[in-house]
PDB file of N, CA and C in Angstrom:
ATOM      1  N   UNK A   1       0.811  -1.247  -0.036  1.00  0.00           N
ATOM      2  CA  UNK A   1      -0.038  -0.107  -0.151  1.00  0.00           C
ATOM      3  C   UNK A   1       0.868   1.292   0.139  1.00  0.00           C
ATOM      4  N   UNK A   2       0.663   2.251  -0.746  1.00  0.00           N
ATOM      5  CA  UNK A   2       1.389   3.381  -1.136  1.00  0.00           C
ATOM      6  C   UNK A   2       0.741   4.369  -0.316  1.00  0.00           C
ATOM      7  N   UNK A   3       1.400   5.478   0.184  1.00  0.00           N
ATOM      8  CA  UNK A   3       0.666   6.694   0.418  1.00  0.00           C
ATOM      9  C   UNK A   3       1.060   7.756  -0.647  1.00  0.00           C
ATOM     10  N   UNK A   4      -0.206   8.208  -1.020  1.00  0.00           N
ATOM     11  CA  UNK A   4      -0.401   9.124  -2.193  1.00  0.00           C
ATOM     12  C   UNK A   4      -0.790  10.473  -1.955  1.00  0.00           C
ATOM     13  N   UNK A   5      -0.159  11.700  -2.232  1.00  0.00           N
ATOM     14  CA  UNK A   5      -0.438  12.985  -2.075  1.00  0.00           C
ATOM     15  C   UNK A   5      -0.716  13.293  -3.679  1.00  0.00           C
ATOM     16  N   UNK A   6      -2.074  13.508  -3.917  1.00  0.00           N
ATOM     17  CA  UNK A   6      -2.323  13.867  -5.330  1.00  0.00           C
ATOM     18  C   UNK A   6      -2.756  15.331  -5.301  1.00  0.00           C
ATOM     19  N   UNK A   7      -2.312  15.946  -6.248  1.00  0.00           N
ATOM     20  CA  UNK A   7      -2.439  17.439  -6.537  1.00  0.00           C
ATOM     21  C   UNK A   7      -3.298  17.349  -7.889  1.00  0.00           C
ATOM     22  N   UNK A   8      -4.760  17.367  -7.716  1.00  0.00           N
ATOM     23  CA  UNK A   8      -5.850  17.317  -8.656  1.00  0.00           C
ATOM     24  C   UNK A   8      -7.123  18.204  -8.312  1.00  0.00           C
ATOM     25  N   UNK A   9      -6.638  19.349  -8.890  1.00  0.00           N
ATOM     26  CA  UNK A   9      -7.956  20.475  -8.746  1.00  0.00           C
ATOM     27  C   UNK A   9      -9.289  20.083  -9.349  1.00  0.00           C
ATOM     28  N   UNK A  10      -9.215  19.125 -10.233  1.00  0.00           N
ATOM     29  CA  UNK A  10     -10.621  18.939 -11.081  1.00  0.00           C
ATOM     30  C   UNK A  10     -11.538  17.839 -10.043  1.00  0.00           C
ATOM     31  N   UNK A  11     -12.365  18.293  -9.348  1.00  0.00           N
ATOM     32  CA  UNK A  11     -12.931  17.610  -8.623  1.00  0.00           C
ATOM     33  C   UNK A  11     -13.760  16.166  -9.203  1.00  0.00           C
ATOM     34  N   UNK A  12     -13.953  16.249 -10.294  1.00  0.00           N
ATOM     35  CA  UNK A  12     -14.540  14.919 -11.118  1.00  0.00           C
ATOM     36  C   UNK A  12     -13.390  13.820 -11.056  1.00  0.00           C
ATOM     37  N   UNK A  13     -12.294  14.347 -11.850  1.00  0.00           N
ATOM     38  CA  UNK A  13     -11.247  13.323 -12.004  1.00  0.00           C
ATOM     39  C   UNK A  13     -10.526  13.011 -10.648  1.00  0.00           C
ATOM     40  N   UNK A  14     -10.366  13.955  -9.656  1.00  0.00           N
ATOM     41  CA  UNK A  14      -9.892  13.808  -8.470  1.00  0.00           C
ATOM     42  C   UNK A  14     -10.788  12.557  -7.659  1.00  0.00           C
ATOM     43  N   UNK A  15     -12.041  12.658  -7.873  1.00  0.00           N
ATOM     44  CA  UNK A  15     -12.936  11.641  -7.350  1.00  0.00           C
ATOM     45  C   UNK A  15     -12.685  10.110  -7.795  1.00  0.00           C
ATOM     46  N   UNK A  16     -12.355  10.295  -9.176  1.00  0.00           N
ATOM     47  CA  UNK A  16     -12.023   9.100  -9.869  1.00  0.00           C
ATOM     48  C   UNK A  16     -10.637   8.463  -9.421  1.00  0.00           C
ATOM     49  N   UNK A  17      -9.785   9.395  -9.392  1.00  0.00           N
ATOM     50  CA  UNK A  17      -8.275   8.878  -8.862  1.00  0.00           C
ATOM     51  C   UNK A  17      -8.515   8.419  -7.440  1.00  0.00           C
ATOM     52  N   UNK A  18      -9.161   9.173  -6.786  1.00  0.00           N
ATOM     53  CA  UNK A  18      -9.323   8.687  -5.295  1.00  0.00           C
ATOM     54  C   UNK A  18     -10.055   7.172  -5.254  1.00  0.00           C
ATOM     55  N   UNK A  19     -10.989   7.063  -5.845  1.00  0.00           N
ATOM     56  CA  UNK A  19     -11.794   5.828  -5.882  1.00  0.00           C
ATOM     57  C   UNK A  19     -10.815   4.715  -6.438  1.00  0.00           C
ATOM     58  N   UNK A  20     -10.222   4.943  -7.458  1.00  0.00           N
ATOM     59  CA  UNK A  20      -9.217   3.614  -7.990  1.00  0.00           C
ATOM     60  C   UNK A  20      -8.161   3.301  -7.133  1.00  0.00           C
ATOM     61  N   UNK A  21      -7.259   4.327  -6.479  1.00  0.00           N
ATOM     62  CA  UNK A  21      -6.374   4.188  -5.742  1.00  0.00           C
ATOM     63  C   UNK A  21      -6.619   3.701  -4.469  1.00  0.00           C
ATOM     64  N   UNK A  22      -8.012   4.114  -3.930  1.00  0.00           N
ATOM     65  CA  UNK A  22      -8.247   3.465  -2.591  1.00  0.00           C
ATOM     66  C   UNK A  22      -8.656   2.045  -2.533  1.00  0.00           C
ATOM     67  N   UNK A  23      -9.487   1.770  -3.891  1.00  0.00           N
ATOM     68  CA  UNK A  23     -10.000   0.410  -3.967  1.00  0.00           C
ATOM     69  C   UNK A  23      -8.733  -0.503  -4.196  1.00  0.00           C
ATOM     70  N   UNK A  24      -7.557  -0.195  -4.335  1.00  0.00           N
ATOM     71  CA  UNK A  24      -6.481  -0.909  -4.642  1.00  0.00           C
ATOM     72  C   UNK A  24      -5.665  -0.936  -3.130  1.00  0.00           C
ATOM     73  N   UNK A  25      -6.079  -0.304  -2.250  1.00  0.00           N
ATOM     74  CA  UNK A  25      -5.489  -0.391  -0.826  1.00  0.00           C
ATOM     75  C   UNK A  25      -4.655   0.700  -0.834  1.00  0.00           C
ATOM     76  N   UNK A  26      -4.372   1.815  -1.309  1.00  0.00           N
ATOM     77  CA  UNK A  26      -3.546   3.005  -1.310  1.00  0.00           C
ATOM     78  C   UNK A  26      -4.147   4.066  -0.539  1.00  0.00           C
ATOM     79  N   UNK A  27      -3.343   4.580   0.362  1.00  0.00           N
ATOM     80  CA  UNK A  27      -3.867   5.599   1.262  1.00  0.00           C
ATOM     81  C   UNK A  27      -3.619   7.021   0.502  1.00  0.00           C
ATOM     82  N   UNK A  28      -4.750   7.903   0.179  1.00  0.00           N
ATOM     83  CA  UNK A  28      -4.922   8.769  -0.707  1.00  0.00           C
ATOM     84  C   UNK A  28      -5.131  10.172  -0.055  1.00  0.00           C
ATOM     85  N   UNK A  29      -4.363  11.212  -0.326  1.00  0.00           N
ATOM     86  CA  UNK A  29      -4.774  12.479   0.269  1.00  0.00           C
ATOM     87  C   UNK A  29      -4.706  13.547  -1.192  1.00  0.00           C
ATOM     88  N   UNK A  30      -6.096  13.862  -1.349  1.00  0.00           N
ATOM     89  CA  UNK A  30      -6.297  15.009  -2.378  1.00  0.00           C
ATOM     90  C   UNK A  30      -5.956  16.289  -1.795  1.00  0.00           C
ATOM     91  N   UNK A  31      -5.219  16.989  -3.077  1.00  0.00           N
ATOM     92  CA  UNK A  31      -5.004  18.194  -2.573  1.00  0.00           C
ATOM     93  C   UNK A  31      -5.333  19.138  -3.979  1.00  0.00           C
ATOM     94  N   UNK A  32      -5.921  20.436  -3.637  1.00  0.00           N
ATOM     95  CA  UNK A  32      -6.668  21.275  -4.803  1.00  0.00           C
ATOM     96  C   UNK A  32      -5.645  22.385  -5.109  1.00  0.00           C
ATOM     97  N   UNK A  33      -4.625  22.351  -4.297  1.00  0.00           N
ATOM     98  CA  UNK A  33      -3.651  23.637  -4.445  1.00  0.00           C
ATOM     99  C   UNK A  33      -2.340  23.205  -4.317  1.00  0.00           C
ATOM    100  N   UNK A  34      -1.367  23.818  -4.749  1.00  0.00           N
ATOM    101  CA  UNK A  34       0.063  23.180  -5.080  1.00  0.00           C
ATOM    102  C   UNK A  34       0.943  23.189  -3.705  1.00  0.00           C
ATOM    103  N   UNK A  35       0.550  24.409  -2.950  1.00  0.00           N
ATOM    104  CA  UNK A  35       0.947  24.731  -1.581  1.00  0.00           C
ATOM    105  C   UNK A  35       0.691  23.442  -0.572  1.00  0.00           C
ATOM    106  N   UNK A  36      -0.563  23.094  -0.727  1.00  0.00           N
ATOM    107  CA  UNK A  36      -0.875  21.975   0.003  1.00  0.00           C
ATOM    108  C   UNK A  36      -0.218  20.625  -0.268  1.00  0.00           C
ATOM    109  N   UNK A  37      -0.123  20.378  -1.517  1.00  0.00           N
ATOM    110  CA  UNK A  37       0.394  19.012  -1.947  1.00  0.00           C
ATOM    111  C   UNK A  37       2.144  19.367  -1.536  1.00  0.00           C
ATOM    112  N   UNK A  38       2.624  20.314  -1.686  1.00  0.00           N
ATOM    113  CA  UNK A  38       3.969  20.400  -1.311  1.00  0.00           C
ATOM    114  C   UNK A  38       4.142  20.248   0.241  1.00  0.00           C
ATOM    115  N   UNK A  39       3.412  20.699   0.889  1.00  0.00           N
ATOM    116  CA  UNK A  39       3.419  20.681   2.512  1.00  0.00           C
ATOM    117  C   UNK A  39       3.271  19.206   2.890  1.00  0.00           C
ATOM    118  N   UNK A  40       2.505  18.455   2.176  1.00  0.00           N
ATOM    119  CA  UNK A  40       2.406  17.145   2.580  1.00  0.00           C
ATOM    120  C   UNK A  40       3.141  15.956   1.992  1.00  0.00           C
ATOM    121  N   UNK A  41       3.739  16.434   0.886  1.00  0.00           N
ATOM    122  CA  UNK A  41       4.546  15.575  -0.026  1.00  0.00           C
ATOM    123  C   UNK A  41       5.713  14.626   0.936  1.00  0.00           C
ATOM    124  N   UNK A  42       6.183  15.103   2.015  1.00  0.00           N
ATOM    125  CA  UNK A  42       7.203  14.677   2.642  1.00  0.00           C
ATOM    126  C   UNK A  42       6.671  13.229   3.199  1.00  0.00           C
ATOM    127  N   UNK A  43       5.596  13.285   3.507  1.00  0.00           N
ATOM    128  CA  UNK A  43       4.990  12.004   4.157  1.00  0.00           C
ATOM    129  C   UNK A  43       4.387  10.979   3.028  1.00  0.00           C
ATOM    130  N   UNK A  44       4.579  11.306   1.910  1.00  0.00           N
ATOM    131  CA  UNK A  44       3.927  10.167   0.896  1.00  0.00           C
ATOM    132  C   UNK A  44       5.221   9.349   0.291  1.00  0.00           C
ATOM    133  N   UNK A  45       4.668   8.475  -0.291  1.00  0.00           N
ATOM    134  CA  UNK A  45       5.461   7.427  -1.112  1.00  0.00           C
ATOM    135  C   UNK A  45       5.463   7.836  -2.685  1.00  0.00           C
ATOM    136  N   UNK A  46       4.393   8.500  -3.094  1.00  0.00           N
ATOM    137  CA  UNK A  46       4.110   8.887  -4.431  1.00  0.00           C
ATOM    138  C   UNK A  46       3.300  10.300  -4.540  1.00  0.00           C
ATOM    139  N   UNK A  47       3.801  11.297  -5.048  1.00  0.00           N
ATOM    140  CA  UNK A  47       3.486  12.648  -5.383  1.00  0.00           C
ATOM    141  C   UNK A  47       2.810  12.383  -6.923  1.00  0.00           C
ATOM    142  N   UNK A  48       1.388  12.713  -6.853  1.00  0.00           N
ATOM    143  CA  UNK A  48       0.641  12.596  -8.260  1.00  0.00           C
ATOM    144  C   UNK A  48       0.096  14.010  -8.423  1.00  0.00           C
ATOM    145  N   UNK A  49       0.659  14.447  -9.778  1.00  0.00           N
ATOM    146  CA  UNK A  49       0.192  15.754 -10.031  1.00  0.00           C
ATOM    147  C   UNK A  49      -0.328  15.887 -11.627  1.00  0.00           C
ATOM    148  N   UNK A  50      -1.704  16.394 -11.358  1.00  0.00           N
ATOM    149  CA  UNK A  50      -2.616  16.586 -12.720  1.00  0.00           C
ATOM    150  C   UNK A  50      -2.153  17.720 -13.497  1.00  0.00           C
ATOM    151  N   UNK A  51      -1.736  17.908 -14.447  1.00  0.00           N
ATOM    152  CA  UNK A  51      -1.247  18.965 -15.270  1.00  0.00           C
ATOM    153  C   UNK A  51      -2.042  19.541 -16.169  1.00  0.00           C
ATOM    154  N   UNK A  52      -3.379  19.074 -15.998  1.00  0.00           N
ATOM    155  CA  UNK A  52      -4.206  19.533 -17.347  1.00  0.00           C
ATOM    156  C   UNK A  52      -5.293  20.941 -16.860  1.00  0.00           C
ATOM    157  N   UNK A  53      -5.049  21.406 -15.602  1.00  0.00           N
ATOM    158  CA  UNK A  53      -5.478  22.777 -15.330  1.00  0.00           C
ATOM    159  C   UNK A  53      -4.452  23.857 -15.890  1.00  0.00           C
ATOM    160  N   UNK A  54      -4.885  24.553 -16.703  1.00  0.00           N
ATOM    161  CA  UNK A  54      -4.245  25.638 -17.289  1.00  0.00           C
ATOM    162  C   UNK A  54      -3.541  26.587 -16.672  1.00  0.00           C
ATOM    163  N   UNK A  55      -4.174  26.875 -15.275  1.00  0.00           N
ATOM    164  CA  UNK A  55      -3.429  27.760 -14.353  1.00  0.00           C
ATOM    165  C   UNK A  55      -2.403  27.169 -13.532  1.00  0.00           C
ATOM    166  N   UNK A  56      -2.340  25.870 -13.573  1.00  0.00           N
ATOM    167  CA  UNK A  56      -1.769  24.975 -12.340  1.00  0.00           C
ATOM    168  C   UNK A  56      -0.300  24.618 -13.028  1.00  0.00           C
ATOM    169  N   UNK A  57       0.810  25.130 -12.469  1.00  0.00           N
ATOM    170  CA  UNK A  57       2.259  24.654 -12.851  1.00  0.00           C
ATOM    171  C   UNK A  57       2.608  23.641 -11.705  1.00  0.00           C
ATOM    172  N   UNK A  58       1.996  22.442 -11.828  1.00  0.00           N
ATOM    173  CA  UNK A  58       2.377  21.452 -11.005  1.00  0.00           C
ATOM    174  C   UNK A  58       3.826  21.104 -11.003  1.00  0.00           C
ATOM    175  N   UNK A  59       4.548  21.428 -12.337  1.00  0.00           N
ATOM    176  CA  UNK A  59       5.861  20.779 -12.445  1.00  0.00           C
ATOM    177  C   UNK A  59       6.768  21.390 -11.475  1.00  0.00           C
ATOM    178  N   UNK A  60       6.516  22.586 -10.896  1.00  0.00           N
ATOM    179  CA  UNK A  60       7.080  23.055  -9.885  1.00  0.00           C
ATOM    180  C   UNK A  60       7.435  22.334  -8.511  1.00  0.00           C
ATOM    181  N   UNK A  61       6.518  21.172  -8.434  1.00  0.00           N
ATOM    182  CA  UNK A  61       6.628  20.321  -7.317  1.00  0.00           C
ATOM    183  C   UNK A  61       7.811  19.330  -7.361  1.00  0.00           C
ATOM    184  N   UNK A  62       8.382  19.407  -8.690  1.00  0.00           N
ATOM    185  CA  UNK A  62       9.598  18.541  -8.737  1.00  0.00           C
ATOM    186  C   UNK A  62      11.004  19.306  -8.725  1.00  0.00           C
ATOM    187  N   UNK A  63      11.971  19.000  -7.937  1.00  0.00           N
ATOM    188  CA  UNK A  63      11.768  17.656  -7.383  1.00  0.00           C
ATOM    189  C   UNK A  63      11.094  17.667  -6.057  1.00  0.00           C
ATOM    190  N   UNK A  64      10.616  16.297  -5.736  1.00  0.00           N
ATOM    191  CA  UNK A  64      10.108  15.928  -4.479  1.00  0.00           C
ATOM    192  C   UNK A  64      10.873  15.753  -3.401  1.00  0.00           C
ATOM    193  N   UNK A  65      10.662  15.588  -2.343  1.00  0.00           N
ATOM    194  CA  UNK A  65      11.339  15.206  -1.136  1.00  0.00           C
ATOM    195  C   UNK A  65      11.977  14.017  -1.375  1.00  0.00           C
ATOM    196  N   UNK A  66      12.979  13.663  -1.004  1.00  0.00           N
ATOM    197  CA  UNK A  66      13.961  12.451  -1.247  1.00  0.00           C
ATOM    198  C   UNK A  66      12.925  11.204  -0.777  1.00  0.00           C
ATOM    199  N   UNK A  67      13.158  10.106  -1.635  1.00  0.00           N
ATOM    200  CA  UNK A  67      12.245   9.095  -1.329  1.00  0.00           C
ATOM    201  C   UNK A  67      10.706   8.982  -1.926  1.00  0.00           C
ATOM    202  N   UNK A  68      10.459  10.409  -2.427  1.00  0.00           N
ATOM    203  CA  UNK A  68       9.034  10.438  -2.908  1.00  0.00           C
ATOM    204  C   UNK A  68       9.033  10.318  -4.156  1.00  0.00           C
ATOM    205  N   UNK A  69       8.441   9.267  -5.104  1.00  0.00           N
ATOM    206  CA  UNK A  69       8.597   9.025  -6.455  1.00  0.00           C
ATOM    207  C   UNK A  69       7.358  10.065  -7.089  1.00  0.00           C
ATOM    208  N   UNK A  70       7.448  10.542  -8.094  1.00  0.00           N
ATOM    209  CA  UNK A  70       6.516  11.455  -8.763  1.00  0.00           C
ATOM    210  C   UNK A  70       5.724  10.905 -10.070  1.00  0.00           C
ATOM    211  N   UNK A  71       4.553  11.241 -10.334  1.00  0.00           N
ATOM    212  CA  UNK A  71       3.793  10.905 -11.178  1.00  0.00           C
ATOM    213  C   UNK A  71       2.949  12.021 -11.762  1.00  0.00           C
ATOM    214  N   UNK A  72       3.051  12.399 -13.103  1.00  0.00           N
ATOM    215  CA  UNK A  72       2.238  13.435 -13.886  1.00  0.00           C
ATOM    216  C   UNK A  72       1.378  12.870 -14.680  1.00  0.00           C
ATOM    217  N   UNK A  73       0.377  13.371 -14.715  1.00  0.00           N
ATOM    218  CA  UNK A  73      -0.853  13.009 -15.831  1.00  0.00           C
ATOM    219  C   UNK A  73      -1.187  14.239 -16.425  1.00  0.00           C
ATOM    220  N   UNK A  74      -1.535  13.968 -17.845  1.00  0.00           N
ATOM    221  CA  UNK A  74      -1.823  15.343 -18.811  1.00  0.00           C
ATOM    222  C   UNK A  74      -2.865  14.791 -19.581  1.00  0.00           C
ATOM    223  N   UNK A  75      -3.604  15.809 -20.228  1.00  0.00           N
ATOM    224  CA  UNK A  75      -4.405  15.498 -21.227  1.00  0.00           C
ATOM    225  C   UNK A  75      -3.663  14.987 -22.645  1.00  0.00           C
ATOM    226  N   UNK A  76      -4.135  14.057 -23.161  1.00  0.00           N
ATOM    227  CA  UNK A  76      -3.332  13.178 -24.251  1.00  0.00           C
ATOM    228  C   UNK A  76      -3.356  14.041 -25.497  1.00  0.00           C
ATOM    229  N   UNK A  77      -3.816  15.165 -25.790  1.00  0.00           N
ATOM    230  CA  UNK A  77      -3.556  16.068 -26.763  1.00  0.00           C
ATOM    231  C   UNK A  77      -2.745  17.260 -26.388  1.00  0.00           C
ATOM    232  N   UNK A  78      -2.292  17.225 -25.324  1.00  0.00           N
ATOM    233  CA  UNK A  78      -1.361  18.280 -24.629  1.00  0.00           C
ATOM    234  C   UNK A  78       0.159  17.896 -24.738  1.00  0.00           C
ATOM    235  N   UNK A  79       0.698  17.767 -25.625  1.00  0.00           N
ATOM    236  CA  UNK A  79       2.062  17.274 -25.711  1.00  0.00           C
ATOM    237  C   UNK A  79       3.104  18.177 -25.235  1.00  0.00           C
ATOM    238  N   UNK A  80       2.748  19.411 -24.987  1.00  0.00           N
ATOM    239  CA  UNK A  80       3.571  20.541 -24.446  1.00  0.00           C
ATOM    240  C   UNK A  80       3.794  20.336 -22.817  1.00  0.00           C
ATOM    241  N   UNK A  81       2.289  19.823 -21.955  1.00  0.00           N
ATOM    242  CA  UNK A  81       2.535  19.412 -20.932  1.00  0.00           C
ATOM    243  C   UNK A  81       3.400  18.391 -20.555  1.00  0.00           C
ATOM    244  N   UNK A  82       3.035  17.174 -21.318  1.00  0.00           N
ATOM    245  CA  UNK A  82       3.932  16.275 -21.486  1.00  0.00           C
ATOM    246  C   UNK A  82       5.457  16.253 -21.384  1.00  0.00           C
ATOM    247  N   UNK A  83       5.507  17.071 -22.171  1.00  0.00           N
ATOM    248  CA  UNK A  83       7.291  17.777 -22.560  1.00  0.00           C
ATOM    249  C   UNK A  83       7.701  18.464 -21.112  1.00  0.00           C
ATOM    250  N   UNK A  84       6.944  19.295 -20.700  1.00  0.00           N
ATOM    251  CA  UNK A  84       7.226  20.001 -19.617  1.00  0.00           C
ATOM    252  C   UNK A  84       7.496  19.137 -18.378  1.00  0.00           C
ATOM    253  N   UNK A  85       6.602  18.049 -18.179  1.00  0.00           N
ATOM    254  CA  UNK A  85       6.734  17.219 -16.824  1.00  0.00           C
ATOM    255  C   UNK A  85       8.105  16.429 -17.076  1.00  0.00           C
ATOM    256  N   UNK A  86       8.212  15.725 -18.266  1.00  0.00           N
ATOM    257  CA  UNK A  86       9.589  15.176 -18.498  1.00  0.00           C
ATOM    258  C   UNK A  86      10.720  16.137 -18.224  1.00  0.00           C
ATOM    259  N   UNK A  87      10.686  17.294 -18.786  1.00  0.00           N
ATOM    260  CA  UNK A  87      11.989  18.080 -18.599  1.00  0.00           C
ATOM    261  C   UNK A  87      11.968  18.354 -16.943  1.00  0.00           C
ATOM    262  N   UNK A  88      10.945  18.377 -16.272  1.00  0.00           N
ATOM    263  CA  UNK A  88      11.036  19.013 -15.070  1.00  0.00           C
ATOM    264  C   UNK A  88      11.497  17.700 -14.127  1.00  0.00           C
ATOM    265  N   UNK A  89      11.444  16.625 -14.617  1.00  0.00           N
ATOM    266  CA  UNK A  89      12.105  15.312 -14.037  1.00  0.00           C
ATOM    267  C   UNK A  89      11.024  14.481 -13.154  1.00  0.00           C
ATOM    268  N   UNK A  90       9.867  14.335 -13.656  1.00  0.00           N
ATOM    269  CA  UNK A  90       8.723  13.545 -13.149  1.00  0.00           C
ATOM    270  C   UNK A  90       9.287  12.258 -13.369  1.00  0.00           C
ATOM    271  N   UNK A  91       9.286  11.244 -12.494  1.00  0.00           N
ATOM    272  CA  UNK A  91       9.473   9.982 -12.604  1.00  0.00           C
ATOM    273  C   UNK A  91       8.641   9.079 -13.835  1.00  0.00           C
ATOM    274  N   UNK A  92       7.313   9.383 -13.772  1.00  0.00           N
ATOM    275  CA  UNK A  92       6.530   8.826 -14.728  1.00  0.00           C
ATOM    276  C   UNK A  92       5.556   9.877 -15.173  1.00  0.00           C
ATOM    277  N   UNK A  93       5.455  10.051 -16.505  1.00  0.00           N
ATOM    278  CA  UNK A  93       4.411  10.888 -17.136  1.00  0.00           C
ATOM    279  C   UNK A  93       3.507  10.118 -17.949  1.00  0.00           C
ATOM    280  N   UNK A  94       2.118  10.217 -17.781  1.00  0.00           N
ATOM    281  CA  UNK A  94       1.089   9.461 -18.512  1.00  0.00           C
ATOM    282  C   UNK A  94      -0.089  10.303 -18.386  1.00  0.00           C
ATOM    283  N   UNK A  95      -0.653   9.811 -19.822  1.00  0.00           N
ATOM    284  CA  UNK A  95      -2.078  10.611 -20.021  1.00  0.00           C
ATOM    285  C   UNK A  95      -3.121  10.189 -18.972  1.00  0.00           C
ATOM    286  N   UNK A  96      -3.962  11.084 -18.963  1.00  0.00           N
ATOM    287  CA  UNK A  96      -5.330  10.894 -17.881  1.00  0.00           C
ATOM    288  C   UNK A  96      -5.626   9.507 -18.103  1.00  0.00           C
ATOM    289  N   UNK A  97      -6.109   9.256 -19.454  1.00  0.00           N
ATOM    290  CA  UNK A  97      -6.703   7.709 -19.650  1.00  0.00           C
ATOM    291  C   UNK A  97      -5.925   6.517 -19.430  1.00  0.00           C
ATOM    292  N   UNK A  98      -4.656   6.853 -19.348  1.00  0.00           N
ATOM    293  CA  UNK A  98      -3.903   5.455 -18.676  1.00  0.00           C
ATOM    294  C   UNK A  98      -3.938   5.523 -17.173  1.00  0.00           C
ATOM    295  N   UNK A  99      -3.874   6.865 -16.678  1.00  0.00           N
ATOM    296  CA  UNK A  99      -4.127   6.829 -15.139  1.00  0.00           C
ATOM    297  C   UNK A  99      -5.401   6.101 -14.748  1.00  0.00           C
ATOM    298  N   UNK A 100      -6.499   6.464 -15.436  1.00  0.00           N
ATOM    299  CA  UNK A 100      -7.656   5.697 -15.442  1.00  0.00           C
ATOM    300  C   UNK A 100      -7.749   4.130 -15.253  1.00  0.00           C
ATOM    301  N   UNK A 101      -7.043   3.766 -16.338  1.00  0.00           N
ATOM    302  CA  UNK A 101      -6.877   2.544 -16.679  1.00  0.00           C
ATOM    303  C   UNK A 101      -5.916   1.566 -15.640  1.00  0.00           C
ATOM    304  N   UNK A 102      -4.689   2.110 -15.360  1.00  0.00           N
ATOM    305  CA  UNK A 102      -3.579   1.484 -14.683  1.00  0.00           C
ATOM    306  C   UNK A 102      -2.995   2.065 -13.479  1.00  0.00           C
ATOM    307  N   UNK A 103      -3.831   3.226 -13.219  1.00  0.00           N
ATOM    308  CA  UNK A 103      -3.504   4.039 -11.952  1.00  0.00           C
ATOM    309  C   UNK A 103      -3.067   3.221 -10.780  1.00  0.00           C
ATOM    310  N   UNK A 104      -3.663   2.388 -10.435  1.00  0.00           N
ATOM    311  CA  UNK A 104      -3.218   1.597  -9.206  1.00  0.00           C
ATOM    312  C   UNK A 104      -1.826   0.904  -9.397  1.00  0.00           C
ATOM    313  N   UNK A 105      -1.840   0.180 -10.516  1.00  0.00           N
ATOM    314  CA  UNK A 105      -0.613  -0.475 -10.652  1.00  0.00           C
ATOM    315  C   UNK A 105       0.679   0.439 -10.947  1.00  0.00           C
ATOM    316  N   UNK A 106       0.475   1.360 -11.629  1.00  0.00           N
ATOM    317  CA  UNK A 106       1.645   2.549 -11.822  1.00  0.00           C
ATOM    318  C   UNK A 106       2.128   3.239 -10.473  1.00  0.00           C
ATOM    319  N   UNK A 107       0.973   3.536  -9.470  1.00  0.00           N
ATOM    320  CA  UNK A 107       1.460   3.749  -8.130  1.00  0.00           C
ATOM    321  C   UNK A 107       2.015   2.984  -7.391  1.00  0.00           C
ATOM    322  N   UNK A 108       1.565   1.606  -7.576  1.00  0.00           N
ATOM    323  CA  UNK A 108       2.418   0.613  -6.709  1.00  0.00           C
ATOM    324  C   UNK A 108       3.718   0.265  -7.342  1.00  0.00           C
ATOM    325  N   UNK A 109       3.952   0.397  -8.698  1.00  0.00           N
ATOM    326  CA  UNK A 109       5.306   0.266  -9.170  1.00  0.00           C
ATOM    327  C   UNK A 109       6.128   1.501  -8.756  1.00  0.00           C
ATOM    328  N   UNK A 110       5.615   2.551  -8.881  1.00  0.00           N
ATOM    329  CA  UNK A 110       6.335   3.855  -8.328  1.00  0.00           C
ATOM    330  C   UNK A 110       6.623   3.653  -6.825  1.00  0.00           C
ATOM    331  N   UNK A 111       5.857   3.422  -5.927  1.00  0.00           N
ATOM    332  CA  UNK A 111       5.950   3.275  -4.492  1.00  0.00           C
ATOM    333  C   UNK A 111       7.218   2.241  -4.099  1.00  0.00           C
ATOM    334  N   UNK A 112       7.162   1.115  -5.017  1.00  0.00           N
ATOM    335  CA  UNK A 112       8.150   0.429  -4.800  1.00  0.00           C
ATOM    336  C   UNK A 112       9.728   0.640  -5.286  1.00  0.00           C
ATOM    337  N   UNK A 113       9.408   1.533  -6.368  1.00  0.00           N
ATOM    338  CA  UNK A 113      10.854   2.037  -6.773  1.00  0.00           C
ATOM    339  C   UNK A 113      11.316   3.231  -5.821  1.00  0.00           C
ATOM    340  N   UNK A 114      10.246   3.875  -5.020  1.00  0.00           N
ATOM    341  CA  UNK A 114      10.613   4.909  -4.163  1.00  0.00           C
ATOM    342  C   UNK A 114      11.267   4.308  -2.893  1.00  0.00           C
ATOM    343  N   UNK A 115      10.715   3.495  -2.386  1.00  0.00           N
ATOM    344  CA  UNK A 115      10.924   2.853  -1.073  1.00  0.00           C
ATOM    345  C   UNK A 115      12.372   2.127  -1.244  1.00  0.00           C
TER     346      UNK A 115
END
């Protein structure tokens, strides 16, 4: 079970992420603001950042505290967000659709790598 801090301002997507990760046994804390996620990231195994909000620069959360893996999600049509996340140093960058399909496994894999 991984401890996840998720910066997901979109309530609908946030509820999907929360449900799928909790169903897999992960402990998840949703944050709507980067400041809140930054403050809580040190207690996490994985920091998940949704980059689909135009006014959100979640890439500034990387590097995360030592031992915390990072996962960024982006809209599949937004190659610029994907590239920014990769350039910022996120451990894994995936489209939202993949997060919905494979999110629990992705988080589990990252948590294993972070610990």
